[in-house]
Protein backbone atom coordinates (compact mmCIF):
# COMPACT_ATOMS: atom_id res chain seq x y z
CA UNK A 1 0.00 0.00 0.01
CA UNK A 2 1.52 3.32 -1.02
CA UNK A 3 1.68 5.95 1.74
CA UNK A 4 1.08 8.61 -0.91
CA UNK A 5 -2.51 7.33 -1.27
CA UNK A 6 -3.42 8.31 2.28
CA UNK A 7 -5.67 11.36 2.64
CA UNK A 8 -3.73 14.58 3.08
CA UNK A 9 -3.78 15.60 6.72
CA UNK A 10 -1.64 17.98 8.80
CA UNK A 11 1.10 16.19 10.69
CA UNK A 12 -0.33 14.98 13.99
CA UNK A 13 1.32 14.98 17.38
CA UNK A 14 3.09 11.82 18.54
CA UNK A 15 3.07 10.93 22.20
CA UNK A 16 5.69 8.25 22.84
CA UNK A 17 5.65 6.67 26.27
CA UNK A 18 8.23 3.99 25.56
CA UNK A 19 11.51 3.46 27.33
CA UNK A 20 14.64 3.66 25.17
CA UNK A 21 14.08 0.96 22.52
CA UNK A 22 15.90 -2.36 22.85
CA UNK A 23 16.52 -5.00 20.24
CA UNK A 24 15.07 -7.82 22.38
CA UNK A 25 12.73 -6.97 25.25
CA UNK A 26 14.05 -8.06 28.65
CA UNK A 27 10.55 -9.29 29.52
CA UNK A 28 7.10 -9.55 28.00
CA UNK A 29 5.51 -6.13 28.31
CA UNK A 30 1.77 -7.02 28.33
CA UNK A 31 0.10 -9.96 30.03
CA UNK A 32 -2.67 -10.03 27.41
CA UNK A 33 -4.82 -7.71 25.30
CA UNK A 34 -6.95 -6.63 28.25
CA UNK A 35 -3.83 -5.68 30.19
CA UNK A 36 -2.67 -3.62 27.22
CA UNK A 37 -6.06 -1.87 27.07
CA UNK A 38 -5.96 -0.99 30.75
CA UNK A 39 -2.51 0.51 30.40
CA UNK A 40 -3.64 2.55 27.42
CA UNK A 41 -6.69 3.71 29.39
CA UNK A 42 -4.50 4.97 32.26
CA UNK A 43 -2.60 7.17 29.81
CA UNK A 44 -5.63 8.37 27.87
CA UNK A 45 -7.58 9.13 31.05
CA UNK A 46 -5.06 11.89 31.82
CA UNK A 47 -5.76 13.62 28.51
CA UNK A 48 -8.65 16.11 27.98
CA UNK A 49 -10.34 14.09 25.21
CA UNK A 50 -13.96 15.12 25.79
CA UNK A 51 -16.95 13.19 24.37
CA UNK A 52 -15.72 10.45 22.04
CA UNK A 53 -16.28 6.96 20.67
CA UNK A 54 -13.66 4.21 21.02
CA UNK A 55 -13.16 2.36 17.72
CA UNK A 56 -11.52 -1.05 17.56
CA UNK A 57 -10.13 -2.96 14.60
CA UNK A 58 -11.39 -6.56 14.87
CA UNK A 59 -10.53 -9.03 16.02
CA UNK A 60 -7.58 -8.45 18.32
CA UNK A 61 -8.21 -4.76 18.86
CA UNK A 62 -11.65 -5.28 20.39
CA UNK A 63 -10.64 -6.47 23.90
CA UNK A 64 -8.02 -3.72 24.03
CA UNK A 65 -10.55 -1.07 23.04
CA UNK A 66 -13.23 -2.46 25.37
CA UNK A 67 -10.97 -1.79 28.37
CA UNK A 68 -10.38 1.78 27.15
CA UNK A 69 -14.10 2.36 26.52
CA UNK A 70 -15.06 1.03 29.92
CA UNK A 71 -12.41 3.00 31.83
CA UNK A 72 -13.20 6.26 30.01
CA UNK A 73 -16.97 5.80 30.05
CA UNK A 74 -17.24 5.90 26.26
CA UNK A 75 -19.22 3.77 23.79
CA UNK A 76 -17.40 1.08 21.82
CA UNK A 77 -17.66 0.43 18.11
CA UNK A 78 -15.58 -1.30 15.46
CA UNK A 79 -13.87 -0.03 12.34
CA UNK A 80 -14.20 -3.07 10.07
CA UNK A 81 -11.35 -3.20 7.57
CA UNK A 82 -10.38 -5.83 5.02
CA UNK A 83 -7.14 -6.29 3.15
CA UNK A 84 -7.25 -6.33 -0.67
CA UNK A 85 -5.04 -9.25 -1.60
CA UNK A 86 -3.14 -9.64 -4.83
CA UNK A 87 -4.86 -12.16 -7.17
CA UNK A 88 -1.80 -14.42 -7.43
CA UNK A 89 -0.94 -14.11 -3.71
CA UNK A 90 -3.89 -13.19 -1.45
CA UNK A 91 -1.58 -12.71 1.54
CA UNK A 92 0.18 -9.85 -0.28
CA UNK A 93 -1.78 -6.62 0.22
CA UNK A 94 -2.32 -4.22 -2.65
CA UNK A 95 -4.75 -2.06 -0.66
CA UNK A 96 -7.48 -1.97 2.00
CA UNK A 97 -11.17 -1.22 2.22
CA UNK A 98 -13.44 -0.21 5.11
CA UNK A 99 -17.05 0.62 5.91
CA UNK A 100 -18.43 3.82 4.44
CA UNK A 101 -17.02 3.31 0.96
CA UNK A 102 -13.35 3.72 1.91
CA UNK A 103 -11.09 2.33 -0.83
CA UNK A 104 -7.32 2.68 -0.67
CA UNK A 105 -5.27 0.95 -3.37
CA UNK A 106 -1.53 1.18 -3.85
CA UNK A 107 -1.27 2.18 -7.50
CA UNK A 108 2.50 1.69 -7.53
CA UNK A 109 2.09 -1.84 -6.11
CA UNK A 110 -0.56 -2.69 -8.72
CA UNK A 111 1.75 -1.50 -11.51
CA UNK A 112 4.76 -3.29 -10.06
CA UNK A 113 2.80 -6.56 -10.00
CA UNK A 114 1.66 -6.03 -13.57
CA UNK A 115 -2.02 -6.27 -12.64
CA UNK A 116 -4.65 -5.26 -15.17
CA UNK A 117 -7.50 -2.95 -14.22
CA UNK A 118 -9.89 -5.90 -14.42
CA UNK A 119 -7.84 -8.11 -12.08
CA UNK A 120 -7.54 -5.24 -9.57
CA UNK A 121 -11.30 -4.72 -9.79
CA UNK A 122 -11.93 -8.42 -9.07
CA UNK A 123 -9.62 -8.24 -6.05
CA UNK A 124 -11.55 -5.26 -4.75
CA UNK A 125 -14.87 -7.01 -5.35
CA UNK A 126 -13.69 -10.08 -3.42
CA UNK A 127 -12.55 -7.90 -0.49
CA UNK A 128 -15.90 -6.07 -0.49
CA UNK A 129 -17.77 -9.37 -0.25
CA UNK A 130 -15.55 -10.38 2.67
CA UNK A 131 -16.15 -7.00 4.30
CA UNK A 132 -19.91 -7.41 4.10
CA UNK A 133 -19.72 -10.91 5.55
CA UNK A 134 -17.44 -9.80 8.39
CA UNK A 135 -19.76 -6.87 9.13
CA UNK A 136 -22.77 -9.18 9.42
CA UNK A 137 -20.79 -11.60 11.58
CA UNK A 138 -19.58 -8.99 14.04
CA UNK A 139 -22.36 -6.41 14.16
CA UNK A 140 -25.45 -8.57 13.95
CA UNK A 141 -28.29 -6.17 14.85
CA UNK A 142 -25.96 -3.38 15.91
CA UNK A 143 -25.64 -0.17 13.95
CA UNK A 144 -22.40 1.80 13.52
CA UNK A 145 -22.22 4.64 16.02
CA UNK A 146 -22.47 8.05 14.31
CA UNK A 147 -19.08 9.68 14.87
CA UNK A 148 -19.91 13.27 13.64
CA UNK A 149 -8.18 5.51 9.44
CA UNK A 150 -5.02 4.19 6.60
CA UNK A 151 -8.47 2.76 5.94
CA UNK A 152 -9.67 2.71 9.54
CA UNK A 153 -8.78 6.35 10.17
CA UNK A 154 -10.35 7.50 6.91
CA UNK A 155 -13.46 5.43 7.75
CA UNK A 156 -13.76 7.19 11.08
CA UNK A 157 -13.56 10.58 9.38
CA UNK A 158 -16.20 9.64 6.78
CA UNK A 159 -18.50 8.59 9.63
CA UNK A 160 -18.24 12.06 11.09
CA UNK A 161 -15.25 12.02 13.46
CA UNK A 162 -13.99 15.56 13.98
CA UNK A 163 -10.72 14.35 15.53
CA UNK A 164 -9.00 10.98 15.44
CA UNK A 165 -6.58 9.80 18.15
CA UNK A 166 -4.80 6.57 17.26
CA UNK A 167 -3.85 4.69 20.44
CA UNK A 168 -1.84 1.45 20.26
CA UNK A 169 0.02 -0.56 22.88
CA UNK A 170 3.09 -1.33 20.72
CA UNK A 171 4.27 -0.38 17.24
CA UNK A 172 7.42 0.14 15.25
CA UNK A 173 8.76 3.73 15.37
CA UNK A 174 8.46 4.03 11.58
CA UNK A 175 4.78 3.06 11.74
CA UNK A 176 4.13 5.63 14.44
CA UNK A 177 5.77 8.36 12.35
CA UNK A 178 3.83 7.38 9.22
CA UNK A 179 0.48 7.29 11.02
CA UNK A 180 1.14 10.65 12.67
CA UNK A 181 0.56 12.20 9.28
CA UNK A 182 -2.87 10.58 9.03
CA UNK A 183 -4.31 10.73 12.55
CA UNK A 184 -4.53 13.94 14.54
CA UNK A 185 -2.57 12.34 17.36
CA UNK A 186 -0.83 9.03 17.98
CA UNK A 187 -0.41 7.56 21.46
CA UNK A 188 1.94 4.58 21.65
CA UNK A 189 3.12 2.87 24.84
CA UNK A 190 6.07 0.90 23.45
CA UNK A 191 8.16 1.58 20.31
CA UNK A 192 10.84 -1.13 20.05
CA UNK A 193 13.42 -0.46 17.36
CA UNK A 194 13.13 -4.10 16.29
CA UNK A 195 9.49 -5.00 16.63
CA UNK A 196 9.95 -8.61 15.50
CA UNK A 197 6.19 -9.25 15.79
CA UNK A 198 3.45 -7.60 17.81
CA UNK A 199 2.61 -10.89 19.52
CA UNK A 200 6.18 -11.15 20.83
CA UNK A 201 5.34 -8.40 23.33
CA UNK A 202 2.42 -10.27 24.89
CA UNK A 203 2.43 -13.25 27.22
CA UNK A 204 -0.99 -14.23 25.86
CA UNK A 205 -1.74 -12.96 22.34
CA UNK A 206 -4.79 -15.08 21.60
CA UNK A 207 -7.42 -13.19 19.59
CA UNK A 208 -11.05 -13.23 20.76
CA UNK A 209 -13.59 -15.35 18.91
CA UNK A 210 -16.51 -13.70 17.06
CA UNK A 211 -18.90 -14.57 19.92
CA UNK A 212 -16.77 -12.61 22.39
CA UNK A 213 -16.58 -9.64 20.04
CA UNK A 214 -20.34 -9.72 19.57
CA UNK A 215 -20.89 -9.82 23.33
CA UNK A 216 -18.64 -6.78 23.87
CA UNK A 217 -20.37 -4.82 21.10
CA UNK A 218 -23.83 -5.70 22.41
CA UNK A 219 -22.79 -4.48 25.83
CA UNK A 220 -21.23 -1.23 24.67
CA UNK A 221 -22.73 -0.69 21.21
CA UNK A 222 -25.82 1.01 19.80
CA UNK A 223 -28.84 -1.01 18.55
CA UNK A 224 -30.14 -0.48 15.05
CA UNK A 225 -33.12 1.87 14.79
CA UNK A 226 -36.30 -0.04 15.49
CA UNK A 227 -34.67 -2.70 17.67
CA UNK A 228 -35.04 -0.78 20.95
CA UNK A 229 -38.33 -1.09 22.72
CA UNK A 230 -40.81 1.50 21.58
CA UNK A 231 -41.74 2.33 25.19
CA UNK A 232 -38.36 3.94 25.78
CA UNK A 233 -37.78 7.60 25.00
CA UNK A 234 -34.43 9.32 25.32
CA UNK A 235 -33.91 13.05 25.72
CA UNK A 236 -30.65 15.01 25.70
CA UNK A 237 -30.73 17.50 28.57
CA UNK A 238 -28.64 20.17 30.23
CA UNK A 239 -28.57 20.69 33.98
CA UNK A 240 -27.45 23.96 35.57
CA UNK A 241 -25.17 23.50 38.56
CA UNK A 242 -24.10 26.96 39.59
CA UNK A 243 -22.18 28.45 36.69
CA UNK A 244 -21.64 25.05 35.05
CA UNK A 245 -23.95 23.38 32.52
CA UNK A 246 -23.84 19.57 32.74
CA UNK A 247 -24.83 17.39 29.77
CA UNK A 248 -27.17 14.52 30.43
CA UNK A 249 -29.41 11.80 29.05
CA UNK A 250 -32.94 11.37 30.38
CA UNK A 251 -34.50 7.98 29.67
CA UNK A 252 -38.29 8.01 29.90
CA UNK A 253 -40.41 4.87 29.59
CA UNK A 254 -44.06 5.42 28.58
CA UNK A 255 -45.30 5.24 32.17
CA UNK A 256 -42.43 5.72 34.59
CA UNK A 257 -42.93 4.34 38.08
CA UNK A 258 -39.83 5.91 39.63
CA UNK A 259 -36.76 7.88 38.56
CA UNK A 260 -33.16 6.82 39.15
CA UNK A 261 -30.36 9.39 39.05
CA UNK A 262 -26.92 7.90 38.22
CA UNK A 263 -23.73 9.22 39.80
CA UNK A 264 -20.67 8.10 37.87
CA UNK A 265 -17.22 7.78 39.36
CA UNK A 266 -13.52 7.68 38.52
CA UNK A 267 -13.87 10.40 35.90
CA UNK A 268 -16.58 8.57 33.97
CA UNK A 269 -19.49 10.30 32.24
CA UNK A 270 -23.05 9.90 31.01
CA UNK A 271 -21.57 7.72 28.24
CA UNK A 272 -20.43 5.06 30.71
CA UNK A 273 -21.32 1.85 28.80
CA UNK A 274 -21.94 -0.16 31.97
CA UNK A 275 -24.18 2.38 33.63
CA UNK A 276 -25.93 2.91 30.30
CA UNK A 277 -26.60 -0.83 30.04
CA UNK A 278 -28.07 -0.85 33.58
CA UNK A 279 -30.12 2.28 32.83
CA UNK A 280 -31.68 0.79 29.70
CA UNK A 281 -32.63 -2.34 31.61
CA UNK A 282 -34.24 -0.18 34.30
CA UNK A 283 -36.18 1.71 31.63
CA UNK A 284 -37.42 -1.58 30.22
CA UNK A 285 -38.68 -2.33 33.75
CA UNK A 286 -40.53 1.00 33.94
CA UNK A 287 -38.05 3.26 35.71
CA UNK A 288 -37.00 6.63 34.31
CA UNK A 289 -33.25 7.24 34.44
CA UNK A 290 -30.97 10.25 34.38
CA UNK A 291 -27.32 9.86 33.39
CA UNK A 292 -25.37 13.10 33.44
CA UNK A 293 -21.82 14.39 33.68
CA UNK A 294 -20.98 15.35 37.24
CA UNK A 295 -17.97 17.31 35.95
CA UNK A 296 -17.33 19.55 32.99
CA UNK A 297 -14.61 18.51 30.52
CA UNK A 298 -12.20 20.98 32.10
CA UNK A 299 -12.97 19.76 35.60
CA UNK A 300 -12.67 16.10 34.61
CA UNK A 301 -9.16 16.76 33.30
CA UNK A 302 -8.06 17.39 36.90
CA UNK A 303 -8.07 13.98 38.57
CA UNK A 304 -8.41 15.55 42.01
CA UNK A 305 -12.01 16.47 41.22
CA UNK A 306 -12.89 12.79 40.76
CA UNK A 307 -12.32 12.33 44.49
CA UNK A 308 -13.96 15.58 45.59
CA UNK A 309 -16.99 13.86 47.07
CA UNK A 310 -18.50 17.11 48.32
CA UNK A 311 -18.37 18.62 44.81
CA UNK A 312 -19.81 15.46 43.22
CA UNK A 313 -22.63 15.35 45.77
CA UNK A 314 -23.47 19.02 45.14
CA UNK A 315 -23.78 18.27 41.41
CA UNK A 316 -26.03 15.27 42.16
CA UNK A 317 -28.24 17.44 44.39
CA UNK A 318 -28.54 19.94 41.54
CA UNK A 319 -29.68 17.09 39.26
CA UNK A 320 -32.24 15.98 41.87
CA UNK A 321 -33.63 19.51 41.99
CA UNK A 322 -33.82 19.50 38.19
CA UNK A 323 -35.76 16.21 38.24
CA UNK A 324 -38.21 17.58 40.80
CA UNK A 325 -39.01 20.43 38.42
CA UNK A 326 -39.24 18.36 35.22
CA UNK A 327 -42.84 17.77 34.13
CA UNK A 328 -42.28 14.05 33.45
CA UNK A 329 -40.35 13.20 36.64
CA UNK A 330 -41.70 15.58 39.25
CA UNK A 331 -43.37 13.62 42.07
CA UNK A 332 -41.89 10.24 41.10
CA UNK A 333 -40.14 8.17 43.78
CA UNK A 334 -36.43 9.01 43.64
CA UNK A 335 -33.58 6.50 43.81
CA UNK A 336 -29.83 7.05 43.45
CA UNK A 337 -27.40 4.70 41.70
CA UNK A 338 -23.67 5.25 42.19
CA UNK A 339 -20.50 3.59 40.86
CA UNK A 340 -16.99 3.96 42.22
CA UNK A 341 -16.60 7.45 43.79
CA UNK A 342 -20.07 8.25 42.44
CA UNK A 343 -21.45 5.87 45.06
CA UNK A 344 -19.89 8.03 47.78
CA UNK A 345 -21.53 11.07 46.19
CA UNK A 346 -24.90 9.27 46.04
CA UNK A 347 -24.75 8.34 49.72
CA UNK A 348 -23.64 11.86 50.68
CA UNK A 349 -26.58 13.31 48.76
CA UNK A 350 -28.92 10.75 50.33
CA UNK A 351 -27.80 11.80 53.79
CA UNK A 352 -28.62 15.42 52.91
CA UNK A 353 -32.01 14.57 51.36
CA UNK A 354 -33.21 12.30 54.16
CA UNK A 355 -36.68 10.93 53.39
CA UNK A 356 -36.52 12.47 49.93
CA UNK A 357 -34.65 9.39 48.65
CA UNK A 358 -36.42 6.03 48.52
CA UNK A 359 -33.43 3.80 47.71
CA UNK A 360 -29.69 3.86 47.02
CA UNK A 361 -27.70 1.31 45.00
CA UNK A 362 -23.89 1.17 44.86
CA UNK A 363 -22.13 -0.83 42.12
CA UNK A 364 -18.45 -1.47 42.83
CA UNK A 365 -18.62 1.75 44.82
CA UNK A 366 -16.63 3.51 47.49
CA UNK A 367 -19.25 4.04 50.23
CA UNK A 368 -16.39 4.39 52.68
CA UNK A 369 -15.69 7.84 51.20
CA UNK A 370 -19.24 9.13 51.77
CA UNK A 371 -19.78 12.19 53.97
CA UNK A 372 -22.36 11.52 56.69
CA UNK A 373 -22.67 7.81 55.98
CA UNK A 374 -24.31 7.19 59.36
CA UNK A 375 -27.03 9.75 58.51
CA UNK A 376 -28.31 7.89 55.43
CA UNK A 377 -31.95 6.85 55.93
CA UNK A 378 -32.74 5.40 52.49
CA UNK A 379 -32.55 1.59 52.09
CA UNK A 380 -29.09 0.99 50.65
CA UNK A 381 -27.84 -1.89 48.51
CA UNK A 382 -24.11 -2.45 48.10
CA UNK A 383 -23.10 -4.66 45.14
CA UNK A 384 -19.46 -5.75 44.93
CA UNK A 385 -17.55 -8.25 42.83
CA UNK A 386 -16.27 -11.24 44.75
CA UNK A 387 -12.86 -10.95 43.04
CA UNK A 388 -12.67 -7.20 43.81
CA UNK A 389 -11.13 -7.99 47.20
CA UNK A 390 -9.90 -4.56 48.24
CA UNK A 391 -13.15 -2.79 47.38
CA UNK A 392 -15.13 -5.62 48.95
CA UNK A 393 -13.37 -5.09 52.27
CA UNK A 394 -14.05 -1.33 52.11
CA UNK A 395 -17.72 -2.05 51.43
CA UNK A 396 -17.93 -4.40 54.39
CA UNK A 397 -16.56 -1.71 56.66
CA UNK A 398 -19.00 0.86 55.28
CA UNK A 399 -21.85 -1.65 55.63
CA UNK A 400 -21.17 -1.83 59.35
CA UNK A 401 -21.36 1.96 59.63
CA UNK A 402 -24.75 2.26 57.89
CA UNK A 403 -27.74 2.70 60.20
CA UNK A 404 -30.44 2.30 57.53
CA UNK A 405 -32.00 -0.81 56.06
CA UNK A 406 -29.12 -2.29 54.11
CA UNK A 407 -27.90 -5.29 52.17
CA UNK A 408 -24.52 -6.35 50.75
CA UNK A 409 -24.54 -8.55 47.64
CA UNK A 410 -21.30 -10.16 46.45
CA UNK A 411 -21.29 -11.28 42.81
CA UNK A 412 -19.15 -14.46 42.74
CA UNK A 413 -16.02 -14.19 40.58
CA UNK A 414 -16.76 -10.66 39.39
CA UNK A 415 -13.97 -8.08 39.25
CA UNK A 416 -14.32 -4.34 39.76
CA UNK A 417 -15.70 -3.70 36.27
CA UNK A 418 -18.24 -6.57 36.34
CA UNK A 419 -17.05 -7.60 32.88
CA UNK A 420 -17.40 -11.34 33.44
CA UNK A 421 -20.23 -13.15 31.70
CA UNK A 422 -23.47 -12.58 33.58
CA UNK A 423 -21.94 -10.21 36.16
CA UNK A 424 -23.55 -7.01 34.92
CA UNK A 425 -26.84 -8.82 34.43
CA UNK A 426 -26.66 -9.81 38.11
CA UNK A 427 -26.17 -6.15 39.04
CA UNK A 428 -29.20 -5.16 36.98
CA UNK A 429 -31.46 -7.86 38.42
CA UNK A 430 -30.47 -6.97 42.00
CA UNK A 431 -31.03 -3.28 41.32
CA UNK A 432 -34.50 -3.81 39.86
CA UNK A 433 -35.44 -6.07 42.78
CA UNK A 434 -34.24 -3.43 45.29
CA UNK A 435 -36.30 -0.72 43.58
CA UNK A 436 -39.37 -2.95 43.51
CA UNK A 437 -39.03 -3.56 47.22
CA UNK A 438 -38.19 -0.05 48.42
CA UNK A 439 -38.90 2.68 45.83
CA UNK A 440 -42.19 1.85 44.17
CA UNK A 441 -45.45 3.02 45.66
CA UNK A 442 -43.85 5.94 47.44
CA UNK A 443 -44.10 9.61 46.48
CA UNK A 444 -41.78 12.35 47.62
């Protein structure tokens, strides 16, 4: 593929986080793809990215991107790309294609191989057929997320991406330099001078099977129009909190029986795929939901604000006041759902609101950080992963301090992110049951 065929873009910034390159690594850098994704997320979390979508190149890129999407609270999608193989040697690439009509062919390579226009056309047609099949296999009933790559980067731009950040765990320095002229920014953790092979840098480099990819996309993706239940309505909202306007998403079933305000944690946002999955399940069960950003983009860039429980609780109280004035949610029983440090904010707000809150649910939360934990009167459910040992111990201590009706549920084998099969579904089922028992039938 000829670099000259890439779309003309201004040279992007390159952020290299690698140690001085070595010919042979002294150790394997990444345990597996998920480990690589978590390390990328730690770096990207420190950057003021703002609202975004995480795109993965299947298959191996999906588990990496899923960790980034989950940590940053962003939706996950795939950029499906297929190589255009030479007719006489399909393993030799003469170009690439991607969704959205992206076609990149190395004209110099075609000429050097002596290919006719007809043979090049047939190679493109074969790749297009493979692309359609791969798209059906991976997406199923999921639609591409509207983003308003070189094939993947160009595909992202054609789908509406205003800015493209290419983030990879490991790459050759020459590849990083070349891609810096296509993407707006390149973030690379390791740049060995002799790459050998990407898999050499992983202890476990197994690629996920299509079923795993489909599960991740269903969890974090966007359904095709018409496949969501008709009873659910979604409304983009803005909530005034002092001088700050906070963006939010109000989910309104046809006849809401209660309203649940979500408090995100660890710098996450209204786009948190896990909280969004729980919210949609609650809406299907007849509960209105409000997911909103507790921090502005500028505030979220300062990690100290993520642990400012008083500030987060103030923002949540502003959202509660907004709900009490909204024509569709005023008078509904109010519940609070918190994750990570957002759980501490939810319990702090519940202590301030007293009988104004019917129920509180904490998912993998930090209730130990709540202000006035002993003053909480609302029935409180703490849900923790059994394999999240440190957080589990903190929840047990907080559980002993609570003076309200309370319950601690441990999801066997689940880690902090509840990414194991069935773990998030267990969270959802327990949450709905708690609301049925403590929130419904009450008016505040």
